[in-house]
Amino acid sequence: MHFEEWKFANNTDRDSAMKIVQMVYTYPNNEVMYEKRYSQFIIDENRIYLLETGAKFAEPFAIEYKNLIEQFVKSNYNNR
């Protein structure tokens, strides 16, 4: 499993980056390159978290971790 955190100066930059990521993942002929990546994105204040697996059997783990990270972020960072 692969985990990344991308930090941005503001939510506008974050949203622009997410649009680019979505375009890349769905752009014609890119499906072949990304079809074996099972990605989960978590959007937070000035951040995007990416959980990605390279195997279909591991996708449920990425979904479970995404839910746990969302709960953690919500309870620890959104109450600042």
PDB file of N, CA and C in Angstrom:
ATOM      1  N   MET A   1       0.846  -1.165   0.000  1.00  0.00           N
ATOM      2  CA  MET A   1       0.000   0.000   0.000  1.00  0.00           C
ATOM      3  C   MET A   1       0.899   1.238   0.000  1.00  0.00           C
ATOM      4  N   HIS A   2       0.472   2.229  -0.707  1.00  0.00           N
ATOM      5  CA  HIS A   2       1.220   3.470  -0.837  1.00  0.00           C
ATOM      6  C   HIS A   2       0.393   4.599  -0.230  1.00  0.00           C
ATOM      7  N   PHE A   3       1.033   5.466   0.544  1.00  0.00           N
ATOM      8  CA  PHE A   3       0.347   6.593   1.188  1.00  0.00           C
ATOM      9  C   PHE A   3       1.119   7.879   0.904  1.00  0.00           C
ATOM     10  N   GLU A   4       0.388   8.913   0.498  1.00  0.00           N
ATOM     11  CA  GLU A   4       0.991  10.228   0.282  1.00  0.00           C
ATOM     12  C   GLU A   4       0.110  11.295   0.905  1.00  0.00           C
ATOM     13  N   GLU A   5       0.756  12.381   1.311  1.00  0.00           N
ATOM     14  CA  GLU A   5       0.050  13.569   1.780  1.00  0.00           C
ATOM     15  C   GLU A   5       0.550  14.739   0.947  1.00  0.00           C
ATOM     16  N   TRP A   6      -0.378  15.446   0.330  1.00  0.00           N
ATOM     17  CA  TRP A   6      -0.031  16.630  -0.446  1.00  0.00           C
ATOM     18  C   TRP A   6      -0.570  17.846   0.295  1.00  0.00           C
ATOM     19  N   LYS A   7       0.287  18.807   0.576  1.00  0.00           N
ATOM     20  CA  LYS A   7      -0.102  20.021   1.303  1.00  0.00           C
ATOM     21  C   LYS A   7      -0.152  21.201   0.338  1.00  0.00           C
ATOM     22  N   PHE A   8      -1.120  22.089   0.575  1.00  0.00           N
ATOM     23  CA  PHE A   8      -1.319  23.249  -0.278  1.00  0.00           C
ATOM     24  C   PHE A   8      -1.459  24.505   0.567  1.00  0.00           C
ATOM     25  N   ALA A   9      -1.199  25.645  -0.043  1.00  0.00           N
ATOM     26  CA  ALA A   9      -1.307  26.931   0.652  1.00  0.00           C
ATOM     27  C   ALA A   9      -2.754  27.258   0.997  1.00  0.00           C
ATOM     28  N   ASN A  10      -3.687  26.770   0.172  1.00  0.00           N
ATOM     29  CA  ASN A  10      -5.101  27.061   0.403  1.00  0.00           C
ATOM     30  C   ASN A  10      -5.952  25.989  -0.284  1.00  0.00           C
ATOM     31  N   ASN A  11      -7.250  26.045  -0.013  1.00  0.00           N
ATOM     32  CA  ASN A  11      -8.157  25.045  -0.578  1.00  0.00           C
ATOM     33  C   ASN A  11      -8.383  25.225  -2.079  1.00  0.00           C
ATOM     34  N   THR A  12      -8.217  26.424  -2.579  1.00  0.00           N
ATOM     35  CA  THR A  12      -8.354  26.660  -4.018  1.00  0.00           C
ATOM     36  C   THR A  12      -7.269  25.903  -4.771  1.00  0.00           C
ATOM     37  N   ASP A  13      -6.042  25.993  -4.295  1.00  0.00           N
ATOM     38  CA  ASP A  13      -4.940  25.240  -4.898  1.00  0.00           C
ATOM     39  C   ASP A  13      -5.177  23.733  -4.774  1.00  0.00           C
ATOM     40  N   ARG A  14      -5.662  23.319  -3.616  1.00  0.00           N
ATOM     41  CA  ARG A  14      -5.964  21.900  -3.381  1.00  0.00           C
ATOM     42  C   ARG A  14      -6.998  21.401  -4.385  1.00  0.00           C
ATOM     43  N   ASP A  15      -8.066  22.169  -4.569  1.00  0.00           N
ATOM     44  CA  ASP A  15      -9.131  21.767  -5.488  1.00  0.00           C
ATOM     45  C   ASP A  15      -8.642  21.736  -6.940  1.00  0.00           C
ATOM     46  N   SER A  16      -7.792  22.671  -7.305  1.00  0.00           N
ATOM     47  CA  SER A  16      -7.217  22.683  -8.655  1.00  0.00           C
ATOM     48  C   SER A  16      -6.366  21.439  -8.883  1.00  0.00           C
ATOM     49  N   ALA A  17      -5.576  21.079  -7.893  1.00  0.00           N
ATOM     50  CA  ALA A  17      -4.736  19.887  -8.000  1.00  0.00           C
ATOM     51  C   ALA A  17      -5.603  18.633  -8.117  1.00  0.00           C
ATOM     52  N   MET A  18      -6.682  18.585  -7.365  1.00  0.00           N
ATOM     53  CA  MET A  18      -7.558  17.414  -7.414  1.00  0.00           C
ATOM     54  C   MET A  18      -8.213  17.291  -8.783  1.00  0.00           C
ATOM     55  N   LYS A  19      -8.589  18.402  -9.390  1.00  0.00           N
ATOM     56  CA  LYS A  19      -9.162  18.365 -10.744  1.00  0.00           C
ATOM     57  C   LYS A  19      -8.152  17.804 -11.743  1.00  0.00           C
ATOM     58  N   ILE A  20      -6.895  18.207 -11.599  1.00  0.00           N
ATOM     59  CA  ILE A  20      -5.847  17.696 -12.489  1.00  0.00           C
ATOM     60  C   ILE A  20      -5.671  16.191 -12.295  1.00  0.00           C
ATOM     61  N   VAL A  21      -5.635  15.752 -11.048  1.00  0.00           N
ATOM     62  CA  VAL A  21      -5.491  14.322 -10.754  1.00  0.00           C
ATOM     63  C   VAL A  21      -6.654  13.538 -11.366  1.00  0.00           C
ATOM     64  N   GLN A  22      -7.866  14.028 -11.192  1.00  0.00           N
ATOM     65  CA  GLN A  22      -9.033  13.340 -11.745  1.00  0.00           C
ATOM     66  C   GLN A  22      -8.966  13.288 -13.268  1.00  0.00           C
ATOM     67  N   MET A  23      -8.502  14.363 -13.881  1.00  0.00           N
ATOM     68  CA  MET A  23      -8.377  14.385 -15.331  1.00  0.00           C
ATOM     69  C   MET A  23      -7.346  13.353 -15.795  1.00  0.00           C
ATOM     70  N   VAL A  24      -6.224  13.292 -15.114  1.00  0.00           N
ATOM     71  CA  VAL A  24      -5.169  12.339 -15.486  1.00  0.00           C
ATOM     72  C   VAL A  24      -5.671  10.906 -15.344  1.00  0.00           C
ATOM     73  N   TYR A  25      -6.366  10.610 -14.265  1.00  0.00           N
ATOM     74  CA  TYR A  25      -6.842   9.252 -14.035  1.00  0.00           C
ATOM     75  C   TYR A  25      -7.920   8.839 -15.030  1.00  0.00           C
ATOM     76  N   THR A  26      -8.659   9.785 -15.586  1.00  0.00           N
ATOM     77  CA  THR A  26      -9.771   9.452 -16.475  1.00  0.00           C
ATOM     78  C   THR A  26      -9.514   9.805 -17.935  1.00  0.00           C
ATOM     79  N   TYR A  27      -8.365  10.392 -18.241  1.00  0.00           N
ATOM     80  CA  TYR A  27      -8.058  10.797 -19.604  1.00  0.00           C
ATOM     81  C   TYR A  27      -8.006   9.560 -20.512  1.00  0.00           C
ATOM     82  N   PRO A  28      -8.563   9.673 -21.732  1.00  0.00           N
ATOM     83  CA  PRO A  28      -8.549   8.507 -22.637  1.00  0.00           C
ATOM     84  C   PRO A  28      -7.133   7.929 -22.798  1.00  0.00           C
ATOM     85  N   ASN A  29      -7.086   6.636 -22.827  1.00  0.00           N
ATOM     86  CA  ASN A  29      -5.855   5.846 -22.960  1.00  0.00           C
ATOM     87  C   ASN A  29      -5.029   5.791 -21.674  1.00  0.00           C
ATOM     88  N   ASN A  30      -5.340   6.590 -20.675  1.00  0.00           N
ATOM     89  CA  ASN A  30      -4.640   6.488 -19.396  1.00  0.00           C
ATOM     90  C   ASN A  30      -5.241   5.396 -18.518  1.00  0.00           C
ATOM     91  N   GLU A  31      -6.448   4.945 -18.876  1.00  0.00           N
ATOM     92  CA  GLU A  31      -7.088   3.905 -18.062  1.00  0.00           C
ATOM     93  C   GLU A  31      -6.199   2.675 -17.946  1.00  0.00           C
ATOM     94  N   VAL A  32      -5.510   2.352 -19.032  1.00  0.00           N
ATOM     95  CA  VAL A  32      -4.636   1.177 -19.020  1.00  0.00           C
ATOM     96  C   VAL A  32      -3.533   1.341 -17.992  1.00  0.00           C
ATOM     97  N   MET A  33      -2.967   2.533 -17.905  1.00  0.00           N
ATOM     98  CA  MET A  33      -1.879   2.789 -16.963  1.00  0.00           C
ATOM     99  C   MET A  33      -2.377   2.769 -15.516  1.00  0.00           C
ATOM    100  N   TYR A  34      -3.599   3.263 -15.297  1.00  0.00           N
ATOM    101  CA  TYR A  34      -4.101   3.390 -13.932  1.00  0.00           C
ATOM    102  C   TYR A  34      -5.084   2.305 -13.528  1.00  0.00           C
ATOM    103  N   GLU A  35      -5.385   1.358 -14.428  1.00  0.00           N
ATOM    104  CA  GLU A  35      -6.395   0.365 -14.110  1.00  0.00           C
ATOM    105  C   GLU A  35      -5.966  -0.578 -12.985  1.00  0.00           C
ATOM    106  N   LYS A  36      -4.689  -0.718 -12.747  1.00  0.00           N
ATOM    107  CA  LYS A  36      -4.221  -1.603 -11.681  1.00  0.00           C
ATOM    108  C   LYS A  36      -3.867  -0.838 -10.406  1.00  0.00           C
ATOM    109  N   ARG A  37      -4.211   0.430 -10.396  1.00  0.00           N
ATOM    110  CA  ARG A  37      -4.060   1.230  -9.180  1.00  0.00           C
ATOM    111  C   ARG A  37      -5.435   1.429  -8.583  1.00  0.00           C
ATOM    112  N   TYR A  38      -5.566   1.062  -7.354  1.00  0.00           N
ATOM    113  CA  TYR A  38      -6.841   1.199  -6.668  1.00  0.00           C
ATOM    114  C   TYR A  38      -6.670   2.310  -5.646  1.00  0.00           C
ATOM    115  N   SER A  39      -7.155   3.488  -6.012  1.00  0.00           N
ATOM    116  CA  SER A  39      -6.843   4.706  -5.273  1.00  0.00           C
ATOM    117  C   SER A  39      -8.020   5.184  -4.440  1.00  0.00           C
ATOM    118  N   GLN A  40      -7.691   5.704  -3.281  1.00  0.00           N
ATOM    119  CA  GLN A  40      -8.647   6.355  -2.391  1.00  0.00           C
ATOM    120  C   GLN A  40      -8.082   7.725  -2.052  1.00  0.00           C
ATOM    121  N   PHE A  41      -8.893   8.752  -2.239  1.00  0.00           N
ATOM    122  CA  PHE A  41      -8.470  10.111  -1.926  1.00  0.00           C
ATOM    123  C   PHE A  41      -9.243  10.626  -0.728  1.00  0.00           C
ATOM    124  N   ILE A  42      -8.536  11.334   0.139  1.00  0.00           N
ATOM    125  CA  ILE A  42      -9.142  11.977   1.305  1.00  0.00           C
ATOM    126  C   ILE A  42      -8.844  13.464   1.169  1.00  0.00           C
ATOM    127  N   ILE A  43      -9.895  14.258   1.171  1.00  0.00           N
ATOM    128  CA  ILE A  43      -9.760  15.713   1.033  1.00  0.00           C
ATOM    129  C   ILE A  43      -9.913  16.324   2.416  1.00  0.00           C
ATOM    130  N   ASP A  44      -8.952  17.141   2.799  1.00  0.00           N
ATOM    131  CA  ASP A  44      -8.989  17.820   4.092  1.00  0.00           C
ATOM    132  C   ASP A  44      -8.575  19.268   3.889  1.00  0.00           C
ATOM    133  N   GLU A  45      -8.599  20.030   4.921  1.00  0.00           N
ATOM    134  CA  GLU A  45      -8.226  21.443   4.877  1.00  0.00           C
ATOM    135  C   GLU A  45      -6.798  21.586   4.349  1.00  0.00           C
ATOM    136  N   ASN A  46      -6.655  22.166   3.172  1.00  0.00           N
ATOM    137  CA  ASN A  46      -5.355  22.418   2.538  1.00  0.00           C
ATOM    138  C   ASN A  46      -4.541  21.149   2.268  1.00  0.00           C
ATOM    139  N   ARG A  47      -5.201  19.995   2.224  1.00  0.00           N
ATOM    140  CA  ARG A  47      -4.480  18.734   2.030  1.00  0.00           C
ATOM    141  C   ARG A  47      -5.282  17.756   1.186  1.00  0.00           C
ATOM    142  N   ILE A  48      -4.535  16.890   0.529  1.00  0.00           N
ATOM    143  CA  ILE A  48      -5.095  15.697  -0.112  1.00  0.00           C
ATOM    144  C   ILE A  48      -4.241  14.530   0.356  1.00  0.00           C
ATOM    145  N   TYR A  49      -4.903  13.485   0.806  1.00  0.00           N
ATOM    146  CA  TYR A  49      -4.221  12.251   1.157  1.00  0.00           C
ATOM    147  C   TYR A  49      -4.560  11.223   0.082  1.00  0.00           C
ATOM    148  N   LEU A  50      -3.574  10.460  -0.325  1.00  0.00           N
ATOM    149  CA  LEU A  50      -3.767   9.409  -1.332  1.00  0.00           C
ATOM    150  C   LEU A  50      -3.343   8.075  -0.750  1.00  0.00           C
ATOM    151  N   LEU A  51      -4.263   7.129  -0.784  1.00  0.00           N
ATOM    152  CA  LEU A  51      -3.974   5.737  -0.448  1.00  0.00           C
ATOM    153  C   LEU A  51      -4.116   4.956  -1.743  1.00  0.00           C
ATOM    154  N   GLU A  52      -3.108   4.174  -2.071  1.00  0.00           N
ATOM    155  CA  GLU A  52      -3.147   3.480  -3.346  1.00  0.00           C
ATOM    156  C   GLU A  52      -2.552   2.090  -3.188  1.00  0.00           C
ATOM    157  N   THR A  53      -3.213   1.128  -3.812  1.00  0.00           N
ATOM    158  CA  THR A  53      -2.694  -0.233  -3.836  1.00  0.00           C
ATOM    159  C   THR A  53      -2.450  -0.631  -5.281  1.00  0.00           C
ATOM    160  N   GLY A  54      -1.607  -1.599  -5.478  1.00  0.00           N
ATOM    161  CA  GLY A  54      -1.307  -2.074  -6.821  1.00  0.00           C
ATOM    162  C   GLY A  54      -1.957  -3.407  -7.132  1.00  0.00           C
ATOM    163  N   ALA A  55      -2.859  -3.837  -6.275  1.00  0.00           N
ATOM    164  CA  ALA A  55      -3.513  -5.125  -6.486  1.00  0.00           C
ATOM    165  C   ALA A  55      -4.969  -5.038  -6.043  1.00  0.00           C
ATOM    166  N   LYS A  56      -5.845  -5.617  -6.827  1.00  0.00           N
ATOM    167  CA  LYS A  56      -7.282  -5.568  -6.554  1.00  0.00           C
ATOM    168  C   LYS A  56      -7.623  -6.153  -5.184  1.00  0.00           C
ATOM    169  N   PHE A  57      -6.941  -7.239  -4.807  1.00  0.00           N
ATOM    170  CA  PHE A  57      -7.266  -7.878  -3.524  1.00  0.00           C
ATOM    171  C   PHE A  57      -7.015  -6.947  -2.334  1.00  0.00           C
ATOM    172  N   ALA A  58      -6.148  -5.943  -2.495  1.00  0.00           N
ATOM    173  CA  ALA A  58      -5.814  -5.031  -1.402  1.00  0.00           C
ATOM    174  C   ALA A  58      -6.708  -3.803  -1.359  1.00  0.00           C
ATOM    175  N   GLU A  59      -7.565  -3.629  -2.355  1.00  0.00           N
ATOM    176  CA  GLU A  59      -8.427  -2.440  -2.388  1.00  0.00           C
ATOM    177  C   GLU A  59      -9.292  -2.291  -1.130  1.00  0.00           C
ATOM    178  N   PRO A  60      -9.889  -3.355  -0.582  1.00  0.00           N
ATOM    179  CA  PRO A  60     -10.676  -3.191   0.646  1.00  0.00           C
ATOM    180  C   PRO A  60      -9.857  -2.618   1.812  1.00  0.00           C
ATOM    181  N   PHE A  61      -8.561  -2.948   1.864  1.00  0.00           N
ATOM    182  CA  PHE A  61      -7.709  -2.395   2.917  1.00  0.00           C
ATOM    183  C   PHE A  61      -7.555  -0.885   2.747  1.00  0.00           C
ATOM    184  N   ALA A  62      -7.388  -0.436   1.497  1.00  0.00           N
ATOM    185  CA  ALA A  62      -7.273   1.000   1.231  1.00  0.00           C
ATOM    186  C   ALA A  62      -8.561   1.711   1.615  1.00  0.00           C
ATOM    187  N   ILE A  63      -9.695   1.105   1.316  1.00  0.00           N
ATOM    188  CA  ILE A  63     -10.989   1.712   1.680  1.00  0.00           C
ATOM    189  C   ILE A  63     -11.129   1.783   3.193  1.00  0.00           C
ATOM    190  N   GLU A  64     -10.747   0.716   3.870  1.00  0.00           N
ATOM    191  CA  GLU A  64     -10.830   0.700   5.343  1.00  0.00           C
ATOM    192  C   GLU A  64      -9.905   1.757   5.958  1.00  0.00           C
ATOM    193  N   TYR A  65      -8.667   1.831   5.459  1.00  0.00           N
ATOM    194  CA  TYR A  65      -7.731   2.833   5.970  1.00  0.00           C
ATOM    195  C   TYR A  65      -8.214   4.242   5.661  1.00  0.00           C
ATOM    196  N   LYS A  66      -8.812   4.426   4.495  1.00  0.00           N
ATOM    197  CA  LYS A  66      -9.367   5.747   4.154  1.00  0.00           C
ATOM    198  C   LYS A  66     -10.389   6.159   5.204  1.00  0.00           C
ATOM    199  N   ASN A  67     -11.299   5.260   5.554  1.00  0.00           N
ATOM    200  CA  ASN A  67     -12.311   5.572   6.564  1.00  0.00           C
ATOM    201  C   ASN A  67     -11.680   5.905   7.913  1.00  0.00           C
ATOM    202  N   LEU A  68     -10.667   5.147   8.307  1.00  0.00           N
ATOM    203  CA  LEU A  68      -9.987   5.409   9.578  1.00  0.00           C
ATOM    204  C   LEU A  68      -9.266   6.760   9.566  1.00  0.00           C
ATOM    205  N   ILE A  69      -8.611   7.076   8.461  1.00  0.00           N
ATOM    206  CA  ILE A  69      -7.904   8.356   8.354  1.00  0.00           C
ATOM    207  C   ILE A  69      -8.895   9.507   8.354  1.00  0.00           C
ATOM    208  N   GLU A  70     -10.019   9.357   7.660  1.00  0.00           N
ATOM    209  CA  GLU A  70     -11.039  10.417   7.668  1.00  0.00           C
ATOM    210  C   GLU A  70     -11.552  10.665   9.079  1.00  0.00           C
ATOM    211  N   GLN A  71     -11.784   9.601   9.832  1.00  0.00           N
ATOM    212  CA  GLN A  71     -12.226   9.756  11.220  1.00  0.00           C
ATOM    213  C   GLN A  71     -11.162  10.452  12.061  1.00  0.00           C
ATOM    214  N   PHE A  72      -9.914  10.065  11.891  1.00  0.00           N
ATOM    215  CA  PHE A  72      -8.814  10.673  12.637  1.00  0.00           C
ATOM    216  C   PHE A  72      -8.685  12.150  12.313  1.00  0.00           C
ATOM    217  N   VAL A  73      -8.696  12.467  11.035  1.00  0.00           N
ATOM    218  CA  VAL A  73      -8.552  13.865  10.601  1.00  0.00           C
ATOM    219  C   VAL A  73      -9.709  14.694  11.133  1.00  0.00           C
ATOM    220  N   LYS A  74     -10.912  14.159  11.024  1.00  0.00           N
ATOM    221  CA  LYS A  74     -12.098  14.887  11.472  1.00  0.00           C
ATOM    222  C   LYS A  74     -12.040  15.165  12.972  1.00  0.00           C
ATOM    223  N   SER A  75     -11.607  14.192  13.755  1.00  0.00           N
ATOM    224  CA  SER A  75     -11.605  14.365  15.206  1.00  0.00           C
ATOM    225  C   SER A  75     -10.380  15.107  15.731  1.00  0.00           C
ATOM    226  N   ASN A  76      -9.275  15.139  14.965  1.00  0.00           N
ATOM    227  CA  ASN A  76      -8.057  15.746  15.481  1.00  0.00           C
ATOM    228  C   ASN A  76      -7.671  17.067  14.827  1.00  0.00           C
ATOM    229  N   TYR A  77      -8.070  17.279  13.597  1.00  0.00           N
ATOM    230  CA  TYR A  77      -7.604  18.465  12.892  1.00  0.00           C
ATOM    231  C   TYR A  77      -8.688  19.469  12.569  1.00  0.00           C
ATOM    232  N   ASN A  78      -9.923  19.024  12.485  1.00  0.00           N
ATOM    233  CA  ASN A  78     -10.992  19.949  12.106  1.00  0.00           C
ATOM    234  C   ASN A  78     -11.565  20.715  13.290  1.00  0.00           C
ATOM    235  N   ASN A  79     -11.007  20.504  14.470  1.00  0.00           N
ATOM    236  CA  ASN A  79     -11.460  21.225  15.652  1.00  0.00           C
ATOM    237  C   ASN A  79     -10.456  22.288  16.092  1.00  0.00           C
ATOM    238  N   ARG A  80      -9.650  22.759  15.158  1.00  0.00           N
ATOM    239  CA  ARG A  80      -8.628  23.751  15.507  1.00  0.00           C
ATOM    240  C   ARG A  80      -9.227  25.102  15.734  1.00  0.00           C
TER     241      ARG A  80
END
